[in-house]
Amino acid sequence: MIARIAYFDNVTSEQRAARGVYFREQLLPALTAQDGYVTGYFLHQVQGERLQLVSFTIWQSEEQLRLGEQRALATAPLPGGMAYPDRVETYEVDYHS
């Protein structure tokens, strides 16, 4: 299994609200329909007047992760002005419960 962690830095409250609607109504349904998608968590942390958003998803394999991302974004493309993550990390999962 593969874990993907994406970081969105310096997000305003307004941007978070817009992303929340997009994630819930468009991206999550597109992600969960993909083969190999196991689970996802979407987190935030307050940093002064800005926020950091973190997307943490688990996939059965790296190949399914890459294909699932492509298909999900083709189904639910990012609305104008919505940025891609500032950085993305992937890890092999050693253990899970």
C-alpha atoms as a PDB file:
ATOM      1  CA  MET A   1       0.000   0.000   0.000  1.00  0.00           C
ATOM      2  CA  ILE A   2       0.981   3.599  -0.620  1.00  0.00           C
ATOM      3  CA  ALA A   3       0.261   6.713   1.460  1.00  0.00           C
ATOM      4  CA  ARG A   4       0.084  10.079  -0.302  1.00  0.00           C
ATOM      5  CA  ILE A   5       0.375  13.268   1.742  1.00  0.00           C
ATOM      6  CA  ALA A   6      -0.280  16.592   0.005  1.00  0.00           C
ATOM      7  CA  TYR A   7       0.290  19.957   1.690  1.00  0.00           C
ATOM      8  CA  PHE A   8      -1.498  23.193   0.805  1.00  0.00           C
ATOM      9  CA  ASP A   9       0.257  26.056   2.604  1.00  0.00           C
ATOM     10  CA  ASN A  10      -0.966  29.563   3.463  1.00  0.00           C
ATOM     11  CA  VAL A  11      -4.647  28.997   2.705  1.00  0.00           C
ATOM     12  CA  THR A  12      -7.193  31.643   3.708  1.00  0.00           C
ATOM     13  CA  SER A  13     -10.477  30.763   5.433  1.00  0.00           C
ATOM     14  CA  GLU A  14     -12.330  31.697   2.247  1.00  0.00           C
ATOM     15  CA  GLN A  15     -10.116  29.397   0.158  1.00  0.00           C
ATOM     16  CA  ARG A  16     -10.657  26.589   2.669  1.00  0.00           C
ATOM     17  CA  ALA A  17     -14.431  26.990   2.415  1.00  0.00           C
ATOM     18  CA  ALA A  18     -14.309  26.882  -1.400  1.00  0.00           C
ATOM     19  CA  ARG A  19     -11.996  23.859  -1.361  1.00  0.00           C
ATOM     20  CA  GLY A  20     -14.276  22.144   1.151  1.00  0.00           C
ATOM     21  CA  VAL A  21     -17.250  22.366  -1.182  1.00  0.00           C
ATOM     22  CA  TYR A  22     -15.133  21.175  -4.127  1.00  0.00           C
ATOM     23  CA  PHE A  23     -13.636  18.261  -2.161  1.00  0.00           C
ATOM     24  CA  ARG A  24     -16.973  17.078  -0.735  1.00  0.00           C
ATOM     25  CA  GLU A  25     -19.088  17.511  -3.845  1.00  0.00           C
ATOM     26  CA  GLN A  26     -16.686  16.752  -6.696  1.00  0.00           C
ATOM     27  CA  LEU A  27     -13.250  15.389  -5.826  1.00  0.00           C
ATOM     28  CA  LEU A  28     -14.132  12.885  -3.080  1.00  0.00           C
ATOM     29  CA  PRO A  29     -16.800  11.139  -5.163  1.00  0.00           C
ATOM     30  CA  ALA A  30     -14.309  10.994  -8.058  1.00  0.00           C
ATOM     31  CA  LEU A  31     -11.553   9.605  -5.810  1.00  0.00           C
ATOM     32  CA  THR A  32     -13.663   7.004  -4.045  1.00  0.00           C
ATOM     33  CA  ALA A  33     -14.837   5.642  -7.411  1.00  0.00           C
ATOM     34  CA  GLN A  34     -11.236   4.771  -8.355  1.00  0.00           C
ATOM     35  CA  ASP A  35      -9.878   1.230  -8.146  1.00  0.00           C
ATOM     36  CA  GLY A  36      -7.273   0.959  -5.427  1.00  0.00           C
ATOM     37  CA  TYR A  37      -8.485   3.878  -3.292  1.00  0.00           C
ATOM     38  CA  VAL A  38      -8.574   2.730   0.338  1.00  0.00           C
ATOM     39  CA  THR A  39      -9.287   5.807   2.479  1.00  0.00           C
ATOM     40  CA  GLY A  40      -8.582   9.507   2.835  1.00  0.00           C
ATOM     41  CA  TYR A  41      -8.332  12.151   5.517  1.00  0.00           C
ATOM     42  CA  PHE A  42      -8.434  15.875   4.859  1.00  0.00           C
ATOM     43  CA  LEU A  43      -6.979  17.970   7.670  1.00  0.00           C
ATOM     44  CA  HIS A  44      -6.285  21.577   8.555  1.00  0.00           C
ATOM     45  CA  GLN A  45      -4.096  23.452  11.006  1.00  0.00           C
ATOM     46  CA  VAL A  46      -4.451  27.116  11.942  1.00  0.00           C
ATOM     47  CA  GLN A  47      -1.266  29.162  11.493  1.00  0.00           C
ATOM     48  CA  GLY A  48      -2.086  32.707  12.545  1.00  0.00           C
ATOM     49  CA  GLU A  49      -4.557  34.093  10.022  1.00  0.00           C
ATOM     50  CA  ARG A  50      -3.724  31.376   7.499  1.00  0.00           C
ATOM     51  CA  LEU A  51      -4.301  27.657   7.403  1.00  0.00           C
ATOM     52  CA  GLN A  52      -2.359  24.659   6.234  1.00  0.00           C
ATOM     53  CA  LEU A  53      -4.463  21.957   4.603  1.00  0.00           C
ATOM     54  CA  VAL A  54      -3.243  18.376   4.384  1.00  0.00           C
ATOM     55  CA  SER A  55      -4.661  15.618   2.228  1.00  0.00           C
ATOM     56  CA  PHE A  56      -3.734  12.104   3.408  1.00  0.00           C
ATOM     57  CA  THR A  57      -4.866   9.219   1.212  1.00  0.00           C
ATOM     58  CA  ILE A  58      -4.098   5.503   1.123  1.00  0.00           C
ATOM     59  CA  TRP A  59      -4.003   3.456  -2.076  1.00  0.00           C
ATOM     60  CA  GLN A  60      -3.471  -0.229  -2.796  1.00  0.00           C
ATOM     61  CA  SER A  61      -0.454   0.469  -5.046  1.00  0.00           C
ATOM     62  CA  GLU A  62       1.553   3.344  -6.477  1.00  0.00           C
ATOM     63  CA  GLU A  63       0.271   2.528  -9.967  1.00  0.00           C
ATOM     64  CA  GLN A  64      -3.348   2.765  -8.765  1.00  0.00           C
ATOM     65  CA  LEU A  65      -2.505   6.019  -6.957  1.00  0.00           C
ATOM     66  CA  ARG A  66      -1.150   7.633 -10.140  1.00  0.00           C
ATOM     67  CA  LEU A  67      -3.970   6.369 -12.328  1.00  0.00           C
ATOM     68  CA  GLY A  68      -6.609   7.268  -9.728  1.00  0.00           C
ATOM     69  CA  GLU A  69      -5.272  10.824  -9.376  1.00  0.00           C
ATOM     70  CA  GLN A  70      -5.331  11.321 -13.153  1.00  0.00           C
ATOM     71  CA  ARG A  71      -8.854   9.959 -13.500  1.00  0.00           C
ATOM     72  CA  ALA A  72     -10.207  11.878 -10.512  1.00  0.00           C
ATOM     73  CA  LEU A  73      -8.806  15.202 -11.751  1.00  0.00           C
ATOM     74  CA  ALA A  74     -10.170  14.495 -15.238  1.00  0.00           C
ATOM     75  CA  THR A  75     -13.603  13.900 -13.684  1.00  0.00           C
ATOM     76  CA  ALA A  76     -13.409  16.795 -11.198  1.00  0.00           C
ATOM     77  CA  PRO A  77     -10.891  19.311 -12.577  1.00  0.00           C
ATOM     78  CA  LEU A  78      -9.699  21.995 -10.196  1.00  0.00           C
ATOM     79  CA  PRO A  79     -11.833  25.155 -10.434  1.00  0.00           C
ATOM     80  CA  GLY A  80     -10.109  28.321 -11.646  1.00  0.00           C
ATOM     81  CA  GLY A  81      -7.694  29.735  -9.106  1.00  0.00           C
ATOM     82  CA  MET A  82      -7.549  26.575  -7.007  1.00  0.00           C
ATOM     83  CA  ALA A  83      -3.901  25.617  -6.671  1.00  0.00           C
ATOM     84  CA  TYR A  84      -2.315  22.221  -6.724  1.00  0.00           C
ATOM     85  CA  PRO A  85      -0.514  21.176  -3.540  1.00  0.00           C
ATOM     86  CA  ASP A  86       2.626  23.038  -2.540  1.00  0.00           C
ATOM     87  CA  ARG A  87       4.298  19.684  -1.991  1.00  0.00           C
ATOM     88  CA  VAL A  88       3.420  16.004  -2.144  1.00  0.00           C
ATOM     89  CA  GLU A  89       5.089  13.068  -0.428  1.00  0.00           C
ATOM     90  CA  THR A  90       4.463   9.363  -0.932  1.00  0.00           C
ATOM     91  CA  TYR A  91       5.376   6.541   1.415  1.00  0.00           C
ATOM     92  CA  GLU A  92       5.098   2.789   1.345  1.00  0.00           C
ATOM     93  CA  VAL A  93       2.897   1.575   4.166  1.00  0.00           C
ATOM     94  CA  ASP A  94       4.753  -0.881   6.407  1.00  0.00           C
ATOM     95  CA  TYR A  95       1.943  -1.580   8.863  1.00  0.00           C
ATOM     96  CA  HIS A  96      -1.706  -0.651   9.290  1.00  0.00           C
ATOM     97  CA  SER A  97      -4.645  -1.615  11.459  1.00  0.00           C
END
